[in-house]
Amino acid sequence: MANSPKIPPQDENPWRAAGLVTAIGVELAVLVGLGWWLGSAYDERNGTDSGYIVGLIVGLVAGIGSAIGLIRKYAGGRGS
C-alpha cells in the first residue's frame, strides 16, 4: 500500500460540472465566431473569398486548445 499512488477525491458537485460544460460551450462559440468575423473582415479588405474559412478553422483550433486547458484545470492537472 505504500507504493500506491494517491488519488485525489472526486469532486461530485454537479454545479461545478455544469459550469465547466457551459464555459467550454461559450468559449468555443466566441472563439469560432471571432475567427469567422476576423476572416470575413480580411475578405472584405483584400477582396478574397476564403479568409472566413481560415478564420473559422483558427477559431476552432483555439477553442479546442482552450477547452483542453479548462478540462485540465478542472481535473486538477492530472495526466499532465
PDB file of N, CA and C in Angstrom:
ATOM      1  N   MET A   1       0.811  -1.206   0.000  1.00  0.00           N
ATOM      2  CA  MET A   1       0.000   0.000   0.000  1.00  0.00           C
ATOM      3  C   MET A   1       0.853   1.269   0.000  1.00  0.00           C
ATOM      4  N   ALA A   2       2.085   1.162   0.433  1.00  0.00           N
ATOM      5  CA  ALA A   2       2.943   2.339   0.491  1.00  0.00           C
ATOM      6  C   ALA A   2       3.296   2.840  -0.905  1.00  0.00           C
ATOM      7  N   ASN A   3       3.281   1.963  -1.891  1.00  0.00           N
ATOM      8  CA  ASN A   3       3.637   2.350  -3.252  1.00  0.00           C
ATOM      9  C   ASN A   3       2.441   2.752  -4.102  1.00  0.00           C
ATOM     10  N   SER A   4       1.242   2.655  -3.585  1.00  0.00           N
ATOM     11  CA  SER A   4       0.066   3.010  -4.378  1.00  0.00           C
ATOM     12  C   SER A   4      -0.022   4.522  -4.529  1.00  0.00           C
ATOM     13  N   PRO A   5      -0.332   4.988  -5.741  1.00  0.00           N
ATOM     14  CA  PRO A   5      -0.423   6.441  -5.960  1.00  0.00           C
ATOM     15  C   PRO A   5      -1.627   7.026  -5.232  1.00  0.00           C
ATOM     16  N   LYS A   6      -1.444   8.261  -4.786  1.00  0.00           N
ATOM     17  CA  LYS A   6      -2.557   8.950  -4.131  1.00  0.00           C
ATOM     18  C   LYS A   6      -3.504   9.482  -5.189  1.00  0.00           C
ATOM     19  N   ILE A   7      -4.745   9.138  -5.068  1.00  0.00           N
ATOM     20  CA  ILE A   7      -5.766   9.607  -5.992  1.00  0.00           C
ATOM     21  C   ILE A   7      -6.606  10.645  -5.257  1.00  0.00           C
ATOM     22  N   PRO A   8      -6.650  11.873  -5.778  1.00  0.00           N
ATOM     23  CA  PRO A   8      -7.451  12.893  -5.103  1.00  0.00           C
ATOM     24  C   PRO A   8      -8.929  12.521  -5.108  1.00  0.00           C
ATOM     25  N   PRO A   9      -9.659  12.953  -4.118  1.00  0.00           N
ATOM     26  CA  PRO A   9     -11.088  12.640  -4.082  1.00  0.00           C
ATOM     27  C   PRO A   9     -11.816  13.263  -5.263  1.00  0.00           C
ATOM     28  N   GLN A  10     -12.802  12.564  -5.771  1.00  0.00           N
ATOM     29  CA  GLN A  10     -13.588  13.067  -6.891  1.00  0.00           C
ATOM     30  C   GLN A  10     -14.508  14.185  -6.417  1.00  0.00           C
ATOM     31  N   ASP A  11     -14.577  15.231  -7.221  1.00  0.00           N
ATOM     32  CA  ASP A  11     -15.484  16.335  -6.918  1.00  0.00           C
ATOM     33  C   ASP A  11     -16.841  15.969  -7.508  1.00  0.00           C
ATOM     34  N   GLU A  12     -17.808  15.769  -6.677  1.00  0.00           N
ATOM     35  CA  GLU A  12     -19.120  15.335  -7.145  1.00  0.00           C
ATOM     36  C   GLU A  12     -20.138  16.466  -7.187  1.00  0.00           C
ATOM     37  N   ASN A  13     -19.663  17.693  -7.229  1.00  0.00           N
ATOM     38  CA  ASN A  13     -20.548  18.843  -7.272  1.00  0.00           C
ATOM     39  C   ASN A  13     -21.080  19.007  -8.703  1.00  0.00           C
ATOM     40  N   PRO A  14     -22.382  18.789  -8.906  1.00  0.00           N
ATOM     41  CA  PRO A  14     -22.917  18.894 -10.272  1.00  0.00           C
ATOM     42  C   PRO A  14     -22.875  20.322 -10.822  1.00  0.00           C
ATOM     43  N   TRP A  15     -22.900  21.323  -9.960  1.00  0.00           N
ATOM     44  CA  TRP A  15     -22.855  22.707 -10.441  1.00  0.00           C
ATOM     45  C   TRP A  15     -21.494  23.042 -11.025  1.00  0.00           C
ATOM     46  N   ARG A  16     -20.451  22.463 -10.451  1.00  0.00           N
ATOM     47  CA  ARG A  16     -19.113  22.704 -10.994  1.00  0.00           C
ATOM     48  C   ARG A  16     -18.993  22.067 -12.384  1.00  0.00           C
ATOM     49  N   ALA A  17     -19.535  20.878 -12.540  1.00  0.00           N
ATOM     50  CA  ALA A  17     -19.512  20.214 -13.847  1.00  0.00           C
ATOM     51  C   ALA A  17     -20.349  20.998 -14.862  1.00  0.00           C
ATOM     52  N   ALA A  18     -21.506  21.484 -14.432  1.00  0.00           N
ATOM     53  CA  ALA A  18     -22.354  22.276 -15.329  1.00  0.00           C
ATOM     54  C   ALA A  18     -21.648  23.568 -15.730  1.00  0.00           C
ATOM     55  N   GLY A  19     -20.939  24.171 -14.804  1.00  0.00           N
ATOM     56  CA  GLY A  19     -20.178  25.381 -15.110  1.00  0.00           C
ATOM     57  C   GLY A  19     -19.079  25.124 -16.117  1.00  0.00           C
ATOM     58  N   LEU A  20     -18.417  23.977 -15.978  1.00  0.00           N
ATOM     59  CA  LEU A  20     -17.357  23.618 -16.921  1.00  0.00           C
ATOM     60  C   LEU A  20     -17.917  23.437 -18.329  1.00  0.00           C
ATOM     61  N   VAL A  21     -19.013  22.711 -18.442  1.00  0.00           N
ATOM     62  CA  VAL A  21     -19.623  22.473 -19.753  1.00  0.00           C
ATOM     63  C   VAL A  21     -20.092  23.791 -20.374  1.00  0.00           C
ATOM     64  N   THR A  22     -20.684  24.659 -19.573  1.00  0.00           N
ATOM     65  CA  THR A  22     -21.133  25.962 -20.068  1.00  0.00           C
ATOM     66  C   THR A  22     -19.948  26.807 -20.518  1.00  0.00           C
ATOM     67  N   ALA A  23     -18.882  26.828 -19.719  1.00  0.00           N
ATOM     68  CA  ALA A  23     -17.700  27.618 -20.070  1.00  0.00           C
ATOM     69  C   ALA A  23     -17.080  27.123 -21.368  1.00  0.00           C
ATOM     70  N   ILE A  24     -17.010  25.804 -21.540  1.00  0.00           N
ATOM     71  CA  ILE A  24     -16.447  25.259 -22.772  1.00  0.00           C
ATOM     72  C   ILE A  24     -17.302  25.657 -23.973  1.00  0.00           C
ATOM     73  N   GLY A  25     -18.613  25.539 -23.845  1.00  0.00           N
ATOM     74  CA  GLY A  25     -19.507  25.890 -24.947  1.00  0.00           C
ATOM     75  C   GLY A  25     -19.436  27.358 -25.322  1.00  0.00           C
ATOM     76  N   VAL A  26     -19.459  28.225 -24.327  1.00  0.00           N
ATOM     77  CA  VAL A  26     -19.419  29.669 -24.590  1.00  0.00           C
ATOM     78  C   VAL A  26     -18.080  30.057 -25.197  1.00  0.00           C
ATOM     79  N   GLU A  27     -17.000  29.537 -24.627  1.00  0.00           N
ATOM     80  CA  GLU A  27     -15.682  29.889 -25.127  1.00  0.00           C
ATOM     81  C   GLU A  27     -15.476  29.398 -26.560  1.00  0.00           C
ATOM     82  N   LEU A  28     -15.929  28.205 -26.848  1.00  0.00           N
ATOM     83  CA  LEU A  28     -15.812  27.671 -28.198  1.00  0.00           C
ATOM     84  C   LEU A  28     -16.622  28.516 -29.183  1.00  0.00           C
ATOM     85  N   ALA A  29     -17.837  28.866 -28.806  1.00  0.00           N
ATOM     86  CA  ALA A  29     -18.685  29.681 -29.682  1.00  0.00           C
ATOM     87  C   ALA A  29     -18.073  31.061 -29.924  1.00  0.00           C
ATOM     88  N   VAL A  30     -17.544  31.674 -28.884  1.00  0.00           N
ATOM     89  CA  VAL A  30     -16.955  33.005 -29.025  1.00  0.00           C
ATOM     90  C   VAL A  30     -15.717  32.958 -29.916  1.00  0.00           C
ATOM     91  N   LEU A  31     -14.852  31.968 -29.696  1.00  0.00           N
ATOM     92  CA  LEU A  31     -13.626  31.897 -30.489  1.00  0.00           C
ATOM     93  C   LEU A  31     -13.901  31.564 -31.958  1.00  0.00           C
ATOM     94  N   VAL A  32     -14.837  30.675 -32.223  1.00  0.00           N
ATOM     95  CA  VAL A  32     -15.189  30.371 -33.612  1.00  0.00           C
ATOM     96  C   VAL A  32     -15.839  31.590 -34.272  1.00  0.00           C
ATOM     97  N   GLY A  33     -16.731  32.269 -33.553  1.00  0.00           N
ATOM     98  CA  GLY A  33     -17.361  33.475 -34.084  1.00  0.00           C
ATOM     99  C   GLY A  33     -16.357  34.585 -34.337  1.00  0.00           C
ATOM    100  N   LEU A  34     -15.409  34.746 -33.440  1.00  0.00           N
ATOM    101  CA  LEU A  34     -14.372  35.761 -33.618  1.00  0.00           C
ATOM    102  C   LEU A  34     -13.494  35.428 -34.818  1.00  0.00           C
ATOM    103  N   GLY A  35     -13.157  34.145 -34.969  1.00  0.00           N
ATOM    104  CA  GLY A  35     -12.367  33.735 -36.132  1.00  0.00           C
ATOM    105  C   GLY A  35     -13.103  33.997 -37.433  1.00  0.00           C
ATOM    106  N   TRP A  36     -14.396  33.677 -37.456  1.00  0.00           N
ATOM    107  CA  TRP A  36     -15.201  33.940 -38.656  1.00  0.00           C
ATOM    108  C   TRP A  36     -15.242  35.436 -38.957  1.00  0.00           C
ATOM    109  N   TRP A  37     -15.466  36.248 -37.920  1.00  0.00           N
ATOM    110  CA  TRP A  37     -15.566  37.695 -38.099  1.00  0.00           C
ATOM    111  C   TRP A  37     -14.257  38.287 -38.625  1.00  0.00           C
ATOM    112  N   LEU A  38     -13.139  37.854 -38.031  1.00  0.00           N
ATOM    113  CA  LEU A  38     -11.847  38.364 -38.491  1.00  0.00           C
ATOM    114  C   LEU A  38     -11.563  37.906 -39.922  1.00  0.00           C
ATOM    115  N   GLY A  39     -11.906  36.660 -40.238  1.00  0.00           N
ATOM    116  CA  GLY A  39     -11.715  36.178 -41.607  1.00  0.00           C
ATOM    117  C   GLY A  39     -12.583  36.926 -42.605  1.00  0.00           C
ATOM    118  N   SER A  40     -13.813  37.227 -42.220  1.00  0.00           N
ATOM    119  CA  SER A  40     -14.708  37.991 -43.099  1.00  0.00           C
ATOM    120  C   SER A  40     -14.194  39.410 -43.309  1.00  0.00           C
ATOM    121  N   ALA A  41     -13.676  40.023 -42.247  1.00  0.00           N
ATOM    122  CA  ALA A  41     -13.105  41.367 -42.377  1.00  0.00           C
ATOM    123  C   ALA A  41     -11.892  41.333 -43.299  1.00  0.00           C
ATOM    124  N   TYR A  42     -11.101  40.299 -43.202  1.00  0.00           N
ATOM    125  CA  TYR A  42      -9.949  40.140 -44.096  1.00  0.00           C
ATOM    126  C   TYR A  42     -10.422  40.004 -45.544  1.00  0.00           C
ATOM    127  N   ASP A  43     -11.472  39.214 -45.739  1.00  0.00           N
ATOM    128  CA  ASP A  43     -12.021  39.049 -47.093  1.00  0.00           C
ATOM    129  C   ASP A  43     -12.481  40.377 -47.683  1.00  0.00           C
ATOM    130  N   GLU A  44     -13.178  41.169 -46.891  1.00  0.00           N
ATOM    131  CA  GLU A  44     -13.696  42.451 -47.383  1.00  0.00           C
ATOM    132  C   GLU A  44     -12.566  43.403 -47.746  1.00  0.00           C
ATOM    133  N   ARG A  45     -11.526  43.436 -46.955  1.00  0.00           N
ATOM    134  CA  ARG A  45     -10.429  44.373 -47.214  1.00  0.00           C
ATOM    135  C   ARG A  45      -9.576  43.962 -48.398  1.00  0.00           C
ATOM    136  N   ASN A  46      -9.422  42.655 -48.603  1.00  0.00           N
ATOM    137  CA  ASN A  46      -8.498  42.181 -49.633  1.00  0.00           C
ATOM    138  C   ASN A  46      -9.179  41.580 -50.852  1.00  0.00           C
ATOM    139  N   GLY A  47     -10.502  41.532 -50.852  1.00  0.00           N
ATOM    140  CA  GLY A  47     -11.228  41.013 -51.996  1.00  0.00           C
ATOM    141  C   GLY A  47     -11.063  39.514 -52.202  1.00  0.00           C
ATOM    142  N   THR A  48     -10.842  38.782 -51.133  1.00  0.00           N
ATOM    143  CA  THR A  48     -10.691  37.334 -51.229  1.00  0.00           C
ATOM    144  C   THR A  48     -11.999  36.646 -50.846  1.00  0.00           C
ATOM    145  N   ASP A  49     -12.036  35.337 -51.041  1.00  0.00           N
ATOM    146  CA  ASP A  49     -13.258  34.599 -50.738  1.00  0.00           C
ATOM    147  C   ASP A  49     -13.077  33.501 -49.693  1.00  0.00           C
ATOM    148  N   SER A  50     -11.858  33.224 -49.275  1.00  0.00           N
ATOM    149  CA  SER A  50     -11.651  32.084 -48.377  1.00  0.00           C
ATOM    150  C   SER A  50     -11.100  32.459 -47.014  1.00  0.00           C
ATOM    151  N   GLY A  51     -10.988  33.710 -46.716  1.00  0.00           N
ATOM    152  CA  GLY A  51     -10.450  34.133 -45.421  1.00  0.00           C
ATOM    153  C   GLY A  51     -11.337  33.735 -44.262  1.00  0.00           C
ATOM    154  N   TYR A  52     -12.632  33.736 -44.469  1.00  0.00           N
ATOM    155  CA  TYR A  52     -13.535  33.376 -43.386  1.00  0.00           C
ATOM    156  C   TYR A  52     -13.388  31.907 -42.997  1.00  0.00           C
ATOM    157  N   ILE A  53     -13.082  31.045 -43.957  1.00  0.00           N
ATOM    158  CA  ILE A  53     -12.888  29.626 -43.648  1.00  0.00           C
ATOM    159  C   ILE A  53     -11.619  29.446 -42.817  1.00  0.00           C
ATOM    160  N   VAL A  54     -10.566  30.148 -43.189  1.00  0.00           N
ATOM    161  CA  VAL A  54      -9.325  30.086 -42.416  1.00  0.00           C
ATOM    162  C   VAL A  54      -9.578  30.604 -41.005  1.00  0.00           C
ATOM    163  N   GLY A  55     -10.343  31.680 -40.891  1.00  0.00           N
ATOM    164  CA  GLY A  55     -10.686  32.222 -39.576  1.00  0.00           C
ATOM    165  C   GLY A  55     -11.486  31.238 -38.741  1.00  0.00           C
ATOM    166  N   LEU A  56     -12.427  30.549 -39.380  1.00  0.00           N
ATOM    167  CA  LEU A  56     -13.208  29.530 -38.671  1.00  0.00           C
ATOM    168  C   LEU A  56     -12.312  28.415 -38.141  1.00  0.00           C
ATOM    169  N   ILE A  57     -11.396  27.953 -38.974  1.00  0.00           N
ATOM    170  CA  ILE A  57     -10.513  26.863 -38.571  1.00  0.00           C
ATOM    171  C   ILE A  57      -9.583  27.307 -37.437  1.00  0.00           C
ATOM    172  N   VAL A  58      -9.028  28.502 -37.560  1.00  0.00           N
ATOM    173  CA  VAL A  58      -8.151  29.017 -36.497  1.00  0.00           C
ATOM    174  C   VAL A  58      -8.937  29.191 -35.201  1.00  0.00           C
ATOM    175  N   GLY A  59     -10.166  29.707 -35.287  1.00  0.00           N
ATOM    176  CA  GLY A  59     -11.004  29.853 -34.104  1.00  0.00           C
ATOM    177  C   GLY A  59     -11.355  28.515 -33.479  1.00  0.00           C
ATOM    178  N   LEU A  60     -11.627  27.523 -34.310  1.00  0.00           N
ATOM    179  CA  LEU A  60     -11.945  26.187 -33.805  1.00  0.00           C
ATOM    180  C   LEU A  60     -10.750  25.567 -33.102  1.00  0.00           C
ATOM    181  N   VAL A  61      -9.567  25.696 -33.693  1.00  0.00           N
ATOM    182  CA  VAL A  61      -8.356  25.156 -33.062  1.00  0.00           C
ATOM    183  C   VAL A  61      -8.090  25.869 -31.737  1.00  0.00           C
ATOM    184  N   ALA A  62      -8.251  27.175 -31.720  1.00  0.00           N
ATOM    185  CA  ALA A  62      -8.060  27.917 -30.472  1.00  0.00           C
ATOM    186  C   ALA A  62      -9.094  27.497 -29.424  1.00  0.00           C
ATOM    187  N   GLY A  63     -10.328  27.279 -29.852  1.00  0.00           N
ATOM    188  CA  GLY A  63     -11.372  26.838 -28.930  1.00  0.00           C
ATOM    189  C   GLY A  63     -11.100  25.463 -28.363  1.00  0.00           C
ATOM    190  N   ILE A  64     -10.617  24.549 -29.189  1.00  0.00           N
ATOM    191  CA  ILE A  64     -10.294  23.208 -28.710  1.00  0.00           C
ATOM    192  C   ILE A  64      -9.128  23.271 -27.725  1.00  0.00           C
ATOM    193  N   GLY A  65      -8.121  24.072 -28.043  1.00  0.00           N
ATOM    194  CA  GLY A  65      -6.997  24.236 -27.112  1.00  0.00           C
ATOM    195  C   GLY A  65      -7.435  24.828 -25.786  1.00  0.00           C
ATOM    196  N   SER A  66      -8.324  25.793 -25.850  1.00  0.00           N
ATOM    197  CA  SER A  66      -8.845  26.402 -24.633  1.00  0.00           C
ATOM    198  C   SER A  66      -9.678  25.405 -23.830  1.00  0.00           C
ATOM    199  N   ALA A  67     -10.475  24.590 -24.524  1.00  0.00           N
ATOM    200  CA  ALA A  67     -11.284  23.574 -23.835  1.00  0.00           C
ATOM    201  C   ALA A  67     -10.391  22.552 -23.144  1.00  0.00           C
ATOM    202  N   ILE A  68      -9.314  22.162 -23.790  1.00  0.00           N
ATOM    203  CA  ILE A  68      -8.374  21.221 -23.170  1.00  0.00           C
ATOM    204  C   ILE A  68      -7.769  21.839 -21.909  1.00  0.00           C
ATOM    205  N   GLY A  69      -7.423  23.119 -21.989  1.00  0.00           N
ATOM    206  CA  GLY A  69      -6.888  23.804 -20.809  1.00  0.00           C
ATOM    207  C   GLY A  69      -7.888  23.863 -19.669  1.00  0.00           C
ATOM    208  N   LEU A  70      -9.141  24.148 -19.988  1.00  0.00           N
ATOM    209  CA  LEU A  70     -10.179  24.182 -18.951  1.00  0.00           C
ATOM    210  C   LEU A  70     -10.386  22.811 -18.317  1.00  0.00           C
ATOM    211  N   ILE A  71     -10.385  21.779 -19.133  1.00  0.00           N
ATOM    212  CA  ILE A  71     -10.588  20.425 -18.611  1.00  0.00           C
ATOM    213  C   ILE A  71      -9.419  20.024 -17.720  1.00  0.00           C
ATOM    214  N   ARG A  72      -8.206  20.362 -18.129  1.00  0.00           N
ATOM    215  CA  ARG A  72      -7.030  20.059 -17.287  1.00  0.00           C
ATOM    216  C   ARG A  72      -7.105  20.797 -15.967  1.00  0.00           C
ATOM    217  N   LYS A  73      -7.536  22.048 -16.012  1.00  0.00           N
ATOM    218  CA  LYS A  73      -7.657  22.820 -14.776  1.00  0.00           C
ATOM    219  C   LYS A  73      -8.734  22.218 -13.880  1.00  0.00           C
ATOM    220  N   TYR A  74      -9.842  21.803 -14.473  1.00  0.00           N
ATOM    221  CA  TYR A  74     -10.937  21.201 -13.724  1.00  0.00           C
ATOM    222  C   TYR A  74     -10.496  19.874 -13.110  1.00  0.00           C
ATOM    223  N   ALA A  75      -9.706  19.111 -13.848  1.00  0.00           N
ATOM    224  CA  ALA A  75      -9.261  17.803 -13.373  1.00  0.00           C
ATOM    225  C   ALA A  75      -8.113  17.927 -12.366  1.00  0.00           C
ATOM    226  N   GLY A  76      -7.660  19.116 -12.118  1.00  0.00           N
ATOM    227  CA  GLY A  76      -6.625  19.313 -11.124  1.00  0.00           C
ATOM    228  C   GLY A  76      -5.230  19.038 -11.631  1.00  0.00           C
ATOM    229  N   GLY A  77      -5.046  19.113 -12.949  1.00  0.00           N
ATOM    230  CA  GLY A  77      -3.724  18.916 -13.518  1.00  0.00           C
ATOM    231  C   GLY A  77      -3.316  17.471 -13.653  1.00  0.00           C
ATOM    232  N   ARG A  78      -4.215  16.545 -13.389  1.00  0.00           N
ATOM    233  CA  ARG A  78      -3.868  15.127 -13.538  1.00  0.00           C
ATOM    234  C   ARG A  78      -3.657  14.792 -15.000  1.00  0.00           C
ATOM    235  N   GLY A  79      -2.747  13.898 -15.261  1.00  0.00           N
ATOM    236  CA  GLY A  79      -2.494  13.467 -16.622  1.00  0.00           C
ATOM    237  C   GLY A  79      -1.552  14.361 -17.381  1.00  0.00           C
ATOM    238  N   SER A  80      -0.954  15.350 -16.703  1.00  0.00           N
ATOM    239  CA  SER A  80      -0.005  16.233 -17.373  1.00  0.00           C
ATOM    240  C   SER A  80       1.377  15.660 -17.313  1.00  0.00           C
TER     241      SER A  80
END
